[in-house]
Amino acid sequence: MKQKNSKFIKLLALLIAGSSLVGCYNKEEFKRIIQDGFDNARAKTKVKGDFCYYLGDLRFPYTDEPVKEDDTRGMIWNKRKLSRSLPLFAEIGLLSRQPVEGQSGLYHYDLTDLGREYWHQYIDNRGIRTKYHNEFCYGPIVVERVTDVTKNEYTRAQGYSYNEVNLEVDFDYHVIEVPDWVINNKEKLNSIYPQSDVMLPNESYSHTIKFYVGKDDKLYQDNLSYFQFKP
């Protein structure tokens, strides 16, 4: 099974191998590099696994906020995401949910002990307002084998000093440590997050990663991190 339209979060820029790897297409070496990339990304970001369900921009504890006339487009999009993601994870058990007294349809949310175990937050200070991105993550990837390596060459437009060469590496993998809250709520999760099916234990999946050959003839891979799905 292949991932469908998933967002592959770019967090690392890694120099991963020398030029000797380009010519020989050593599949075992590619397997090691890919596995190290996923493992290092988890260690750097402190995520629980390689598959993350994005909730939205919020800080816990959180109380529902209705859409207002003066909300920006981004605020409206965020509130709509939260209106789908928070009730789902409250039902699953990763969030608590209590009605707001005197305000029909609004709720207070906070992390449960189970939710804190799988919760990941990354803070974005780049804009005029700090954003607190929240997600629940599961399922470390274990690379089983590299099945194919395809070399592609592209002629750059006039003015560039060199042509682009990349390698597309196909590999099979399985997912470990899949928690019960994922397995037992597969249909609910797939309904709210349609970009990808829930990853199940004892199943083998396929994916393709692209590597680039730089002007120095060394091999680079700049987007080896975790998958993120949005509601």
C-alpha atoms as a PDB file:
ATOM      1  CA  MET A   1       0.000   0.000   0.000  1.00  0.00           C
ATOM      2  CA  LYS A   2       1.306   3.470  -0.835  1.00  0.00           C
ATOM      3  CA  GLN A   3       0.663   6.690   1.066  1.00  0.00           C
ATOM      4  CA  LYS A   4      -1.927   8.940  -0.580  1.00  0.00           C
ATOM      5  CA  ASN A   5      -1.151  12.664  -0.909  1.00  0.00           C
ATOM      6  CA  SER A   6       0.506  12.851   2.483  1.00  0.00           C
ATOM      7  CA  LYS A   7       2.522  15.861   3.547  1.00  0.00           C
ATOM      8  CA  PHE A   8       6.129  14.873   4.230  1.00  0.00           C
ATOM      9  CA  ILE A   9       7.376  17.373   6.801  1.00  0.00           C
ATOM     10  CA  LYS A  10      10.766  18.884   5.906  1.00  0.00           C
ATOM     11  CA  LEU A  11      12.773  19.311   9.100  1.00  0.00           C
ATOM     12  CA  LEU A  12      16.247  18.072   8.258  1.00  0.00           C
ATOM     13  CA  ALA A  13      18.842  18.941   5.620  1.00  0.00           C
ATOM     14  CA  LEU A  14      21.293  16.092   5.603  1.00  0.00           C
ATOM     15  CA  LEU A  15      24.493  15.416   3.744  1.00  0.00           C
ATOM     16  CA  ILE A  16      24.100  11.681   3.589  1.00  0.00           C
ATOM     17  CA  ALA A  17      26.744  10.072   1.421  1.00  0.00           C
ATOM     18  CA  GLY A  18      29.760  10.549  -0.809  1.00  0.00           C
ATOM     19  CA  SER A  19      29.987  10.251  -4.566  1.00  0.00           C
ATOM     20  CA  SER A  20      30.982   6.579  -4.426  1.00  0.00           C
ATOM     21  CA  LEU A  21      27.373   5.661  -3.590  1.00  0.00           C
ATOM     22  CA  VAL A  22      25.998   7.324  -6.725  1.00  0.00           C
ATOM     23  CA  GLY A  23      27.583   4.932  -9.153  1.00  0.00           C
ATOM     24  CA  CYS A  24      27.148   1.636  -7.369  1.00  0.00           C
ATOM     25  CA  TYR A  25      23.514   1.948  -6.181  1.00  0.00           C
ATOM     26  CA  ASN A  26      24.237  -0.045  -3.054  1.00  0.00           C
ATOM     27  CA  LYS A  27      20.753  -0.977  -1.846  1.00  0.00           C
ATOM     28  CA  GLU A  28      21.900  -1.997   1.627  1.00  0.00           C
ATOM     29  CA  GLU A  29      23.608   1.364   2.064  1.00  0.00           C
ATOM     30  CA  PHE A  30      20.469   3.196   0.928  1.00  0.00           C
ATOM     31  CA  LYS A  31      18.462   1.118   3.402  1.00  0.00           C
ATOM     32  CA  ARG A  32      20.776   2.180   6.228  1.00  0.00           C
ATOM     33  CA  ILE A  33      20.652   5.855   5.201  1.00  0.00           C
ATOM     34  CA  ILE A  34      16.852   5.896   5.009  1.00  0.00           C
ATOM     35  CA  GLN A  35      16.435   4.130   8.347  1.00  0.00           C
ATOM     36  CA  ASP A  36      18.957   6.475   9.996  1.00  0.00           C
ATOM     37  CA  GLY A  37      17.052   9.433   8.543  1.00  0.00           C
ATOM     38  CA  PHE A  38      13.746   8.405  10.111  1.00  0.00           C
ATOM     39  CA  ASP A  39      15.431   7.516  13.419  1.00  0.00           C
ATOM     40  CA  ASN A  40      17.341  10.807  13.580  1.00  0.00           C
ATOM     41  CA  ALA A  41      14.221  12.822  12.726  1.00  0.00           C
ATOM     42  CA  ARG A  42      12.302  11.226  15.597  1.00  0.00           C
ATOM     43  CA  ALA A  43      15.186  11.887  17.966  1.00  0.00           C
ATOM     44  CA  LYS A  44      15.444  15.519  16.858  1.00  0.00           C
ATOM     45  CA  THR A  45      11.710  16.327  16.965  1.00  0.00           C
ATOM     46  CA  LYS A  46      10.811  14.041  19.924  1.00  0.00           C
ATOM     47  CA  VAL A  47       7.802  12.645  18.034  1.00  0.00           C
ATOM     48  CA  LYS A  48       6.393   9.273  19.097  1.00  0.00           C
ATOM     49  CA  GLY A  49       6.337   7.859  15.561  1.00  0.00           C
ATOM     50  CA  ASP A  50       6.500   8.652  11.855  1.00  0.00           C
ATOM     51  CA  PHE A  51       2.754   9.227  11.262  1.00  0.00           C
ATOM     52  CA  CYS A  52       1.152  12.306  12.794  1.00  0.00           C
ATOM     53  CA  TYR A  53      -2.446  13.548  12.914  1.00  0.00           C
ATOM     54  CA  TYR A  54      -2.430  17.339  12.948  1.00  0.00           C
ATOM     55  CA  LEU A  55      -4.948  18.973  15.285  1.00  0.00           C
ATOM     56  CA  GLY A  56      -4.428  22.661  14.654  1.00  0.00           C
ATOM     57  CA  ASP A  57      -2.910  25.775  16.207  1.00  0.00           C
ATOM     58  CA  LEU A  58      -3.882  25.851  19.896  1.00  0.00           C
ATOM     59  CA  ARG A  59      -2.605  25.720  23.467  1.00  0.00           C
ATOM     60  CA  PHE A  60      -3.992  23.234  25.983  1.00  0.00           C
ATOM     61  CA  PRO A  61      -6.200  23.582  27.915  1.00  0.00           C
ATOM     62  CA  TYR A  62      -8.321  24.971  25.074  1.00  0.00           C
ATOM     63  CA  THR A  63     -11.881  26.245  24.873  1.00  0.00           C
ATOM     64  CA  ASP A  64     -13.833  26.297  21.601  1.00  0.00           C
ATOM     65  CA  GLU A  65     -13.909  29.665  19.875  1.00  0.00           C
ATOM     66  CA  PRO A  66     -16.736  30.355  17.389  1.00  0.00           C
ATOM     67  CA  VAL A  67     -15.842  31.894  14.031  1.00  0.00           C
ATOM     68  CA  LYS A  68     -16.077  35.715  14.173  1.00  0.00           C
ATOM     69  CA  GLU A  69     -16.720  38.246  11.412  1.00  0.00           C
ATOM     70  CA  ASP A  70     -13.283  39.839  11.827  1.00  0.00           C
ATOM     71  CA  ASP A  71     -11.363  36.535  11.810  1.00  0.00           C
ATOM     72  CA  THR A  72      -8.621  36.238   9.229  1.00  0.00           C
ATOM     73  CA  ARG A  73      -8.768  33.444   6.657  1.00  0.00           C
ATOM     74  CA  GLY A  74      -6.065  31.569   8.566  1.00  0.00           C
ATOM     75  CA  MET A  75      -8.004  31.818  11.832  1.00  0.00           C
ATOM     76  CA  ILE A  76     -11.148  30.509  10.144  1.00  0.00           C
ATOM     77  CA  TRP A  77      -9.271  27.568   8.602  1.00  0.00           C
ATOM     78  CA  ASN A  78      -7.707  26.743  11.955  1.00  0.00           C
ATOM     79  CA  LYS A  79     -11.028  26.807  13.822  1.00  0.00           C
ATOM     80  CA  ARG A  80     -12.556  24.541  11.184  1.00  0.00           C
ATOM     81  CA  LYS A  81      -9.697  22.050  11.582  1.00  0.00           C
ATOM     82  CA  LEU A  82     -10.147  22.083  15.345  1.00  0.00           C
ATOM     83  CA  SER A  83     -13.915  21.561  15.030  1.00  0.00           C
ATOM     84  CA  ARG A  84     -13.161  18.229  13.319  1.00  0.00           C
ATOM     85  CA  SER A  85     -10.014  17.038  15.077  1.00  0.00           C
ATOM     86  CA  LEU A  86     -10.776  17.796  18.742  1.00  0.00           C
ATOM     87  CA  PRO A  87     -14.133  15.957  19.007  1.00  0.00           C
ATOM     88  CA  LEU A  88     -12.577  12.944  17.276  1.00  0.00           C
ATOM     89  CA  PHE A  89      -9.674  12.627  19.707  1.00  0.00           C
ATOM     90  CA  ALA A  90     -11.958  13.294  22.663  1.00  0.00           C
ATOM     91  CA  GLU A  91     -14.062  10.349  21.527  1.00  0.00           C
ATOM     92  CA  ILE A  92     -10.952   8.200  21.087  1.00  0.00           C
ATOM     93  CA  GLY A  93      -9.682   9.110  24.550  1.00  0.00           C
ATOM     94  CA  LEU A  94      -6.650  11.303  23.918  1.00  0.00           C
ATOM     95  CA  LEU A  95      -8.496  14.468  24.998  1.00  0.00           C
ATOM     96  CA  SER A  96     -10.991  15.294  27.731  1.00  0.00           C
ATOM     97  CA  ARG A  97     -14.107  17.251  26.696  1.00  0.00           C
ATOM     98  CA  GLN A  98     -16.414  19.224  28.963  1.00  0.00           C
ATOM     99  CA  PRO A  99     -19.294  21.503  27.871  1.00  0.00           C
ATOM    100  CA  VAL A 100     -18.918  25.246  28.435  1.00  0.00           C
ATOM    101  CA  GLU A 101     -21.555  26.308  30.925  1.00  0.00           C
ATOM    102  CA  GLY A 102     -24.211  28.503  29.365  1.00  0.00           C
ATOM    103  CA  GLN A 103     -22.794  28.248  25.808  1.00  0.00           C
ATOM    104  CA  SER A 104     -24.421  25.502  23.795  1.00  0.00           C
ATOM    105  CA  GLY A 105     -22.128  23.628  21.424  1.00  0.00           C
ATOM    106  CA  LEU A 106     -18.861  24.894  22.951  1.00  0.00           C
ATOM    107  CA  TYR A 107     -16.446  22.668  24.910  1.00  0.00           C
ATOM    108  CA  HIS A 108     -13.314  22.750  27.048  1.00  0.00           C
ATOM    109  CA  TYR A 109     -10.519  20.377  25.912  1.00  0.00           C
ATOM    110  CA  ASP A 110      -7.376  19.136  27.602  1.00  0.00           C
ATOM    111  CA  LEU A 111      -4.899  16.289  27.159  1.00  0.00           C
ATOM    112  CA  THR A 112      -5.522  13.011  28.946  1.00  0.00           C
ATOM    113  CA  ASP A 113      -2.653  10.871  30.222  1.00  0.00           C
ATOM    114  CA  LEU A 114      -2.940   8.771  27.062  1.00  0.00           C
ATOM    115  CA  GLY A 115      -2.961  11.885  24.914  1.00  0.00           C
ATOM    116  CA  ARG A 116       0.198  13.262  26.531  1.00  0.00           C
ATOM    117  CA  GLU A 117       1.992  10.040  25.670  1.00  0.00           C
ATOM    118  CA  TYR A 118       1.462  10.563  21.918  1.00  0.00           C
ATOM    119  CA  TRP A 119       1.213  14.362  21.790  1.00  0.00           C
ATOM    120  CA  HIS A 120       3.752  16.501  19.943  1.00  0.00           C
ATOM    121  CA  GLN A 121       3.834  20.288  19.730  1.00  0.00           C
ATOM    122  CA  TYR A 122       6.115  22.453  17.612  1.00  0.00           C
ATOM    123  CA  ILE A 123       6.185  26.219  18.073  1.00  0.00           C
ATOM    124  CA  ASP A 124       6.470  28.564  15.073  1.00  0.00           C
ATOM    125  CA  ASN A 125       7.811  32.026  15.892  1.00  0.00           C
ATOM    126  CA  ARG A 126       8.344  33.180  12.311  1.00  0.00           C
ATOM    127  CA  GLY A 127       5.202  35.286  11.880  1.00  0.00           C
ATOM    128  CA  ILE A 128       3.701  38.236  13.711  1.00  0.00           C
ATOM    129  CA  ARG A 129       1.931  35.769  16.004  1.00  0.00           C
ATOM    130  CA  THR A 130       3.420  32.675  17.597  1.00  0.00           C
ATOM    131  CA  LYS A 131       1.701  29.500  16.437  1.00  0.00           C
ATOM    132  CA  TYR A 132       1.438  26.336  18.519  1.00  0.00           C
ATOM    133  CA  HIS A 133       1.048  23.394  16.164  1.00  0.00           C
ATOM    134  CA  ASN A 134      -0.259  20.226  17.825  1.00  0.00           C
ATOM    135  CA  GLU A 135      -0.431  16.642  16.598  1.00  0.00           C
ATOM    136  CA  PHE A 136      -0.713  13.048  17.806  1.00  0.00           C
ATOM    137  CA  CYS A 137       1.940  10.713  16.417  1.00  0.00           C
ATOM    138  CA  TYR A 138       2.432   6.952  16.308  1.00  0.00           C
ATOM    139  CA  GLY A 139       4.222   4.168  14.462  1.00  0.00           C
ATOM    140  CA  PRO A 140       8.021   4.224  13.962  1.00  0.00           C
ATOM    141  CA  ILE A 141       9.008   3.020  10.491  1.00  0.00           C
ATOM    142  CA  VAL A 142      11.267  -0.019  10.064  1.00  0.00           C
ATOM    143  CA  VAL A 143      12.787  -0.230   6.581  1.00  0.00           C
ATOM    144  CA  GLU A 144      12.669  -3.800   5.280  1.00  0.00           C
ATOM    145  CA  ARG A 145      14.425  -3.532   1.931  1.00  0.00           C
ATOM    146  CA  VAL A 146      15.249  -1.176  -0.929  1.00  0.00           C
ATOM    147  CA  THR A 147      13.547  -2.574  -4.016  1.00  0.00           C
ATOM    148  CA  ASP A 148      14.736  -0.250  -6.777  1.00  0.00           C
ATOM    149  CA  VAL A 149      16.995   2.712  -7.512  1.00  0.00           C
ATOM    150  CA  THR A 150      16.260   4.797 -10.603  1.00  0.00           C
ATOM    151  CA  LYS A 151      18.604   7.501 -11.902  1.00  0.00           C
ATOM    152  CA  ASN A 152      17.066  10.554 -13.581  1.00  0.00           C
ATOM    153  CA  GLU A 153      18.945  13.345 -15.330  1.00  0.00           C
ATOM    154  CA  TYR A 154      17.471  16.720 -16.235  1.00  0.00           C
ATOM    155  CA  THR A 155      19.035  19.438 -18.385  1.00  0.00           C
ATOM    156  CA  ARG A 156      18.867  22.758 -16.558  1.00  0.00           C
ATOM    157  CA  ALA A 157      17.753  25.949 -18.231  1.00  0.00           C
ATOM    158  CA  GLN A 158      20.352  28.293 -19.747  1.00  0.00           C
ATOM    159  CA  GLY A 159      22.328  30.102 -17.076  1.00  0.00           C
ATOM    160  CA  TYR A 160      22.649  27.166 -14.682  1.00  0.00           C
ATOM    161  CA  SER A 161      26.123  25.764 -14.198  1.00  0.00           C
ATOM    162  CA  TYR A 162      25.237  22.095 -14.063  1.00  0.00           C
ATOM    163  CA  ASN A 163      22.501  19.596 -14.889  1.00  0.00           C
ATOM    164  CA  GLU A 164      20.314  18.068 -12.193  1.00  0.00           C
ATOM    165  CA  VAL A 165      20.678  14.405 -11.342  1.00  0.00           C
ATOM    166  CA  ASN A 166      18.468  12.630  -8.862  1.00  0.00           C
ATOM    167  CA  LEU A 167      17.881   9.094  -7.728  1.00  0.00           C
ATOM    168  CA  GLU A 168      14.433   7.736  -6.892  1.00  0.00           C
ATOM    169  CA  VAL A 169      14.745   5.028  -4.251  1.00  0.00           C
ATOM    170  CA  ASP A 170      11.812   2.652  -3.742  1.00  0.00           C
ATOM    171  CA  PHE A 171      11.641   0.779  -0.450  1.00  0.00           C
ATOM    172  CA  ASP A 172       9.334  -1.465   1.589  1.00  0.00           C
ATOM    173  CA  TYR A 173       8.728  -0.905   5.282  1.00  0.00           C
ATOM    174  CA  HIS A 174       6.511  -1.898   8.185  1.00  0.00           C
ATOM    175  CA  VAL A 175       5.331   0.039  11.234  1.00  0.00           C
ATOM    176  CA  ILE A 176       5.912  -0.959  14.847  1.00  0.00           C
ATOM    177  CA  GLU A 177       4.397   0.033  18.197  1.00  0.00           C
ATOM    178  CA  VAL A 178       0.979   0.818  16.715  1.00  0.00           C
ATOM    179  CA  PRO A 179      -1.236   1.662  19.738  1.00  0.00           C
ATOM    180  CA  ASP A 180      -4.721   0.311  20.348  1.00  0.00           C
ATOM    181  CA  TRP A 181      -6.285   3.782  19.951  1.00  0.00           C
ATOM    182  CA  VAL A 182      -5.143   3.713  16.313  1.00  0.00           C
ATOM    183  CA  ILE A 183      -6.092   0.111  15.538  1.00  0.00           C
ATOM    184  CA  ASN A 184      -9.506   0.283  17.236  1.00  0.00           C
ATOM    185  CA  ASN A 185     -10.480   3.580  15.574  1.00  0.00           C
ATOM    186  CA  LYS A 186      -9.264   2.982  12.034  1.00  0.00           C
ATOM    187  CA  GLU A 187     -12.507   3.959  10.299  1.00  0.00           C
ATOM    188  CA  LYS A 188     -12.959   7.133  12.380  1.00  0.00           C
ATOM    189  CA  LEU A 189      -9.413   8.281  11.734  1.00  0.00           C
ATOM    190  CA  ASN A 190      -9.598   7.501   8.029  1.00  0.00           C
ATOM    191  CA  SER A 191     -12.842   9.482   7.795  1.00  0.00           C
ATOM    192  CA  ILE A 192     -11.424  12.683   9.316  1.00  0.00           C
ATOM    193  CA  TYR A 193      -7.941  12.251   7.823  1.00  0.00           C
ATOM    194  CA  PRO A 194      -8.582  10.890   4.310  1.00  0.00           C
ATOM    195  CA  GLN A 195      -5.048  11.545   2.988  1.00  0.00           C
ATOM    196  CA  SER A 196      -3.846   8.179   4.266  1.00  0.00           C
ATOM    197  CA  ASP A 197      -5.134   4.933   5.681  1.00  0.00           C
ATOM    198  CA  VAL A 198      -4.187   3.950   9.211  1.00  0.00           C
ATOM    199  CA  MET A 199      -0.912   2.051   9.249  1.00  0.00           C
ATOM    200  CA  LEU A 200      -1.430  -1.422  10.724  1.00  0.00           C
ATOM    201  CA  PRO A 201       1.062  -3.813  12.328  1.00  0.00           C
ATOM    202  CA  ASN A 202       2.086  -6.946  10.431  1.00  0.00           C
ATOM    203  CA  GLU A 203       1.554  -5.157   7.090  1.00  0.00           C
ATOM    204  CA  SER A 204       4.184  -4.180   4.512  1.00  0.00           C
ATOM    205  CA  TYR A 205       4.007  -0.796   2.757  1.00  0.00           C
ATOM    206  CA  SER A 206       5.934   0.917  -0.039  1.00  0.00           C
ATOM    207  CA  HIS A 207       7.285   4.416  -0.488  1.00  0.00           C
ATOM    208  CA  THR A 208       9.675   6.344  -2.761  1.00  0.00           C
ATOM    209  CA  ILE A 209      12.272   8.878  -1.622  1.00  0.00           C
ATOM    210  CA  LYS A 210      14.232  11.167  -3.930  1.00  0.00           C
ATOM    211  CA  PHE A 211      17.933  11.858  -3.497  1.00  0.00           C
ATOM    212  CA  TYR A 212      19.862  14.645  -5.258  1.00  0.00           C
ATOM    213  CA  VAL A 213      23.404  14.739  -6.633  1.00  0.00           C
ATOM    214  CA  GLY A 214      25.048  18.084  -5.910  1.00  0.00           C
ATOM    215  CA  LYS A 215      27.726  19.971  -7.846  1.00  0.00           C
ATOM    216  CA  ASP A 216      30.247  18.328  -5.549  1.00  0.00           C
ATOM    217  CA  ASP A 217      29.031  14.896  -6.769  1.00  0.00           C
ATOM    218  CA  LYS A 218      27.809  14.097  -3.277  1.00  0.00           C
ATOM    219  CA  LEU A 219      24.360  12.756  -2.559  1.00  0.00           C
ATOM    220  CA  TYR A 220      21.790  14.767  -0.575  1.00  0.00           C
ATOM    221  CA  GLN A 221      18.309  14.135   0.834  1.00  0.00           C
ATOM    222  CA  ASP A 222      16.544  17.139   2.340  1.00  0.00           C
ATOM    223  CA  ASN A 223      13.090  15.945   3.391  1.00  0.00           C
ATOM    224  CA  LEU A 224      13.534  12.742   5.358  1.00  0.00           C
ATOM    225  CA  SER A 225      11.257  13.174   8.338  1.00  0.00           C
ATOM    226  CA  TYR A 226       7.722  12.223   9.376  1.00  0.00           C
ATOM    227  CA  PHE A 227       4.352  12.139   7.620  1.00  0.00           C
ATOM    228  CA  GLN A 228       1.745  14.656   8.739  1.00  0.00           C
ATOM    229  CA  PHE A 229      -1.967  14.449   7.900  1.00  0.00           C
ATOM    230  CA  LYS A 230      -4.481  17.278   8.283  1.00  0.00           C
ATOM    231  CA  PRO A 231      -8.245  17.066   8.849  1.00  0.00           C
END
